[in-house]
Amino acid sequence: MKVIIIKKCKDGNVNDVVEVSSGYGTNFLIKNGFAEPINKSSISKLKDREKFNKDTFDKNLELANDLKFKLEELTLSFELKTTNLIVHGSITTKQVNIKLKDLGFVLEKHSVPSVRIDSLGLTKVKVKLFDKVEATLKIMVTKSE
């Protein structure tokens, strides 16, 4: 029996067409909402979902590339206290996210990798925006007066 997986399970990912025994397909996968049997309507639904997913992926990729361009033009500025060129404190990921949010950039929670900058000068950080789209964010740390 062939079924279309509609919820991720051990037999496959969403929108996969898999061959399973008829008892397992009917009594477990279909009954528990993990799959639906193959027929004309389910095949047309599958094609519609694949088209929608491709359109959504293309749209999100375009938005991520626009965001990448804007982030790479940006330089975030922070100040740290220093005594005789010894830096006290550090810049963390949380501070970077707050500064980006204040500037109007809405990123996913784990887009900015774990950062702990405890030196003066320019630091470049890779920010993952989307599948295979990364931006280089520049962070300038100066000493406070």
C-alpha atoms as a PDB file:
ATOM      1  CA  MET A   1       0.000   0.000   0.000  1.00  0.00           C
ATOM      2  CA  LYS A   2       1.320   3.437  -0.922  1.00  0.00           C
ATOM      3  CA  VAL A   3       0.637   6.390   1.363  1.00  0.00           C
ATOM      4  CA  ILE A   4       1.590  10.060   1.513  1.00  0.00           C
ATOM      5  CA  ILE A   5       3.180  11.114   4.785  1.00  0.00           C
ATOM      6  CA  ILE A   6       1.477  14.259   6.130  1.00  0.00           C
ATOM      7  CA  LYS A   7       3.201  14.409   9.550  1.00  0.00           C
ATOM      8  CA  LYS A   8       6.874  13.610  10.130  1.00  0.00           C
ATOM      9  CA  CYS A   9       7.367  10.115  11.519  1.00  0.00           C
ATOM     10  CA  LYS A  10       9.933   7.302  11.438  1.00  0.00           C
ATOM     11  CA  ASP A  11       8.718   6.195   8.005  1.00  0.00           C
ATOM     12  CA  GLY A  12       9.447   9.485   6.228  1.00  0.00           C
ATOM     13  CA  ASN A  13       9.216  13.243   6.088  1.00  0.00           C
ATOM     14  CA  VAL A  14       6.239  15.373   5.139  1.00  0.00           C
ATOM     15  CA  ASN A  15       5.076  14.912   1.501  1.00  0.00           C
ATOM     16  CA  ASP A  16       7.041  11.655   1.028  1.00  0.00           C
ATOM     17  CA  VAL A  17       5.317   8.825  -0.796  1.00  0.00           C
ATOM     18  CA  VAL A  18       6.185   5.530   0.909  1.00  0.00           C
ATOM     19  CA  GLU A  19       5.278   1.882   0.440  1.00  0.00           C
ATOM     20  CA  VAL A  20       4.099   0.164   3.645  1.00  0.00           C
ATOM     21  CA  SER A  21       2.132  -2.964   4.468  1.00  0.00           C
ATOM     22  CA  SER A  22      -1.622  -2.448   4.224  1.00  0.00           C
ATOM     23  CA  GLY A  23      -2.277  -3.284   7.888  1.00  0.00           C
ATOM     24  CA  TYR A  24       0.384  -0.873   9.161  1.00  0.00           C
ATOM     25  CA  GLY A  25      -0.754   1.853   6.765  1.00  0.00           C
ATOM     26  CA  THR A  26      -4.456   1.525   7.615  1.00  0.00           C
ATOM     27  CA  ASN A  27      -4.291   0.725  11.322  1.00  0.00           C
ATOM     28  CA  PHE A  28      -1.455   2.996  12.381  1.00  0.00           C
ATOM     29  CA  LEU A  29      -0.357   5.662   9.885  1.00  0.00           C
ATOM     30  CA  ILE A  30      -3.773   6.685   8.538  1.00  0.00           C
ATOM     31  CA  LYS A  31      -5.625   6.131  11.828  1.00  0.00           C
ATOM     32  CA  ASN A  32      -3.172   8.315  13.817  1.00  0.00           C
ATOM     33  CA  GLY A  33      -3.000  11.059  11.186  1.00  0.00           C
ATOM     34  CA  PHE A  34       0.546  10.433   9.987  1.00  0.00           C
ATOM     35  CA  ALA A  35      -0.431   9.602   6.407  1.00  0.00           C
ATOM     36  CA  GLU A  36      -3.241   9.528   3.894  1.00  0.00           C
ATOM     37  CA  PRO A  37      -3.878   6.888   1.233  1.00  0.00           C
ATOM     38  CA  ILE A  38      -2.940   7.594  -2.374  1.00  0.00           C
ATOM     39  CA  ASN A  39      -5.858   8.553  -4.608  1.00  0.00           C
ATOM     40  CA  LYS A  40      -6.583  11.303  -7.143  1.00  0.00           C
ATOM     41  CA  SER A  41      -7.486  13.951  -4.561  1.00  0.00           C
ATOM     42  CA  SER A  42      -4.500  13.226  -2.311  1.00  0.00           C
ATOM     43  CA  ILE A  43      -2.136  13.403  -5.304  1.00  0.00           C
ATOM     44  CA  SER A  44      -3.574  16.794  -6.308  1.00  0.00           C
ATOM     45  CA  LYS A  45      -3.226  18.011  -2.676  1.00  0.00           C
ATOM     46  CA  LEU A  46       0.388  16.824  -2.684  1.00  0.00           C
ATOM     47  CA  LYS A  47       1.144  18.778  -5.871  1.00  0.00           C
ATOM     48  CA  ASP A  48      -0.520  21.897  -4.414  1.00  0.00           C
ATOM     49  CA  ARG A  49       1.497  21.612  -1.175  1.00  0.00           C
ATOM     50  CA  GLU A  50       4.756  21.147  -3.101  1.00  0.00           C
ATOM     51  CA  LYS A  51       4.003  24.203  -5.266  1.00  0.00           C
ATOM     52  CA  PHE A  52       3.129  26.261  -2.165  1.00  0.00           C
ATOM     53  CA  ASN A  53       6.306  25.114  -0.381  1.00  0.00           C
ATOM     54  CA  LYS A  54       8.457  26.027  -3.395  1.00  0.00           C
ATOM     55  CA  ASP A  55       6.824  29.466  -3.690  1.00  0.00           C
ATOM     56  CA  THR A  56       7.267  30.088   0.050  1.00  0.00           C
ATOM     57  CA  PHE A  57      10.897  28.931  -0.090  1.00  0.00           C
ATOM     58  CA  ASP A  58      11.639  31.277  -3.020  1.00  0.00           C
ATOM     59  CA  LYS A  59       9.972  34.206  -1.256  1.00  0.00           C
ATOM     60  CA  ASN A  60      11.865  33.584   1.997  1.00  0.00           C
ATOM     61  CA  LEU A  61      15.147  33.230   0.102  1.00  0.00           C
ATOM     62  CA  GLU A  62      14.583  36.603  -1.573  1.00  0.00           C
ATOM     63  CA  LEU A  63      13.772  38.258   1.780  1.00  0.00           C
ATOM     64  CA  ALA A  64      16.885  36.713   3.356  1.00  0.00           C
ATOM     65  CA  ASN A  65      19.098  38.045   0.554  1.00  0.00           C
ATOM     66  CA  ASP A  66      17.650  41.551   1.022  1.00  0.00           C
ATOM     67  CA  LEU A  67      18.252  41.332   4.770  1.00  0.00           C
ATOM     68  CA  LYS A  68      21.807  40.099   4.152  1.00  0.00           C
ATOM     69  CA  PHE A  69      22.557  43.179   2.042  1.00  0.00           C
ATOM     70  CA  LYS A  70      21.214  45.521   4.762  1.00  0.00           C
ATOM     71  CA  LEU A  71      23.081  43.765   7.597  1.00  0.00           C
ATOM     72  CA  GLU A  72      26.410  43.789   5.764  1.00  0.00           C
ATOM     73  CA  GLU A  73      26.205  47.575   5.333  1.00  0.00           C
ATOM     74  CA  LEU A  74      25.621  47.996   9.072  1.00  0.00           C
ATOM     75  CA  THR A  75      28.247  48.400  11.818  1.00  0.00           C
ATOM     76  CA  LEU A  76      27.066  48.012  15.407  1.00  0.00           C
ATOM     77  CA  SER A  77      28.888  50.179  17.964  1.00  0.00           C
ATOM     78  CA  PHE A  78      29.402  49.284  21.614  1.00  0.00           C
ATOM     79  CA  GLU A  79      31.461  50.773  24.424  1.00  0.00           C
ATOM     80  CA  LEU A  80      33.297  48.924  27.201  1.00  0.00           C
ATOM     81  CA  LYS A  81      35.036  50.296  30.271  1.00  0.00           C
ATOM     82  CA  THR A  82      38.816  50.002  30.213  1.00  0.00           C
ATOM     83  CA  THR A  83      41.669  50.613  32.640  1.00  0.00           C
ATOM     84  CA  ASN A  84      45.152  50.874  31.137  1.00  0.00           C
ATOM     85  CA  LEU A  85      43.947  49.004  28.033  1.00  0.00           C
ATOM     86  CA  ILE A  86      42.502  46.196  30.184  1.00  0.00           C
ATOM     87  CA  VAL A  87      38.898  45.620  29.127  1.00  0.00           C
ATOM     88  CA  HIS A  88      36.257  45.164  31.826  1.00  0.00           C
ATOM     89  CA  GLY A  89      33.189  43.247  30.676  1.00  0.00           C
ATOM     90  CA  SER A  90      32.189  41.874  27.290  1.00  0.00           C
ATOM     91  CA  ILE A  91      29.609  42.169  24.540  1.00  0.00           C
ATOM     92  CA  THR A  92      27.241  39.186  24.461  1.00  0.00           C
ATOM     93  CA  THR A  93      24.820  37.735  21.956  1.00  0.00           C
ATOM     94  CA  LYS A  94      21.913  39.130  23.951  1.00  0.00           C
ATOM     95  CA  GLN A  95      23.263  42.689  23.632  1.00  0.00           C
ATOM     96  CA  VAL A  96      23.785  42.231  19.888  1.00  0.00           C
ATOM     97  CA  ASN A  97      20.204  40.951  19.470  1.00  0.00           C
ATOM     98  CA  ILE A  98      18.788  43.856  21.487  1.00  0.00           C
ATOM     99  CA  LYS A  99      20.737  46.389  19.415  1.00  0.00           C
ATOM    100  CA  LEU A 100      19.540  44.773  16.167  1.00  0.00           C
ATOM    101  CA  LYS A 101      15.952  44.780  17.437  1.00  0.00           C
ATOM    102  CA  ASP A 102      16.242  48.481  18.352  1.00  0.00           C
ATOM    103  CA  LEU A 103      17.402  49.177  14.787  1.00  0.00           C
ATOM    104  CA  GLY A 104      14.347  47.368  13.391  1.00  0.00           C
ATOM    105  CA  PHE A 105      15.890  44.036  12.369  1.00  0.00           C
ATOM    106  CA  VAL A 106      13.794  41.050  13.389  1.00  0.00           C
ATOM    107  CA  LEU A 107      15.888  37.877  13.379  1.00  0.00           C
ATOM    108  CA  GLU A 108      15.161  34.399  14.646  1.00  0.00           C
ATOM    109  CA  LYS A 109      16.409  33.625  18.126  1.00  0.00           C
ATOM    110  CA  HIS A 110      19.471  31.584  17.150  1.00  0.00           C
ATOM    111  CA  SER A 111      20.460  33.445  13.986  1.00  0.00           C
ATOM    112  CA  VAL A 112      23.331  35.185  15.750  1.00  0.00           C
ATOM    113  CA  PRO A 113      25.786  32.576  17.027  1.00  0.00           C
ATOM    114  CA  SER A 114      27.048  32.624  20.590  1.00  0.00           C
ATOM    115  CA  VAL A 115      29.203  35.749  20.848  1.00  0.00           C
ATOM    116  CA  ARG A 116      31.380  37.031  23.666  1.00  0.00           C
ATOM    117  CA  ILE A 117      33.533  39.932  22.538  1.00  0.00           C
ATOM    118  CA  ASP A 118      35.988  41.130  25.187  1.00  0.00           C
ATOM    119  CA  SER A 119      38.466  43.111  23.109  1.00  0.00           C
ATOM    120  CA  LEU A 120      38.513  46.535  21.528  1.00  0.00           C
ATOM    121  CA  GLY A 121      38.279  46.969  17.771  1.00  0.00           C
ATOM    122  CA  LEU A 122      36.281  45.544  14.902  1.00  0.00           C
ATOM    123  CA  THR A 123      34.901  42.015  15.090  1.00  0.00           C
ATOM    124  CA  LYS A 124      33.052  40.221  12.304  1.00  0.00           C
ATOM    125  CA  VAL A 125      30.317  37.727  13.161  1.00  0.00           C
ATOM    126  CA  LYS A 126      28.561  35.347  10.751  1.00  0.00           C
ATOM    127  CA  VAL A 127      24.760  35.515  11.036  1.00  0.00           C
ATOM    128  CA  LYS A 128      22.707  32.641   9.585  1.00  0.00           C
ATOM    129  CA  LEU A 129      19.614  34.102   7.939  1.00  0.00           C
ATOM    130  CA  PHE A 130      18.233  31.232   5.853  1.00  0.00           C
ATOM    131  CA  ASP A 131      19.258  27.982   4.227  1.00  0.00           C
ATOM    132  CA  LYS A 132      22.748  28.728   2.796  1.00  0.00           C
ATOM    133  CA  VAL A 133      22.360  32.510   3.333  1.00  0.00           C
ATOM    134  CA  GLU A 134      24.812  34.036   5.795  1.00  0.00           C
ATOM    135  CA  ALA A 135      25.573  37.690   6.444  1.00  0.00           C
ATOM    136  CA  THR A 136      28.712  39.133   8.005  1.00  0.00           C
ATOM    137  CA  LEU A 137      27.829  41.537  10.810  1.00  0.00           C
ATOM    138  CA  LYS A 138      30.471  44.073  11.851  1.00  0.00           C
ATOM    139  CA  ILE A 139      30.709  44.966  15.547  1.00  0.00           C
ATOM    140  CA  MET A 140      32.908  47.874  16.641  1.00  0.00           C
ATOM    141  CA  VAL A 141      33.913  47.982  20.304  1.00  0.00           C
ATOM    142  CA  THR A 142      35.470  51.174  21.660  1.00  0.00           C
ATOM    143  CA  LYS A 143      36.536  52.261  25.131  1.00  0.00           C
ATOM    144  CA  SER A 144      34.109  54.396  27.082  1.00  0.00           C
ATOM    145  CA  GLU A 145      35.225  57.787  28.338  1.00  0.00           C
END
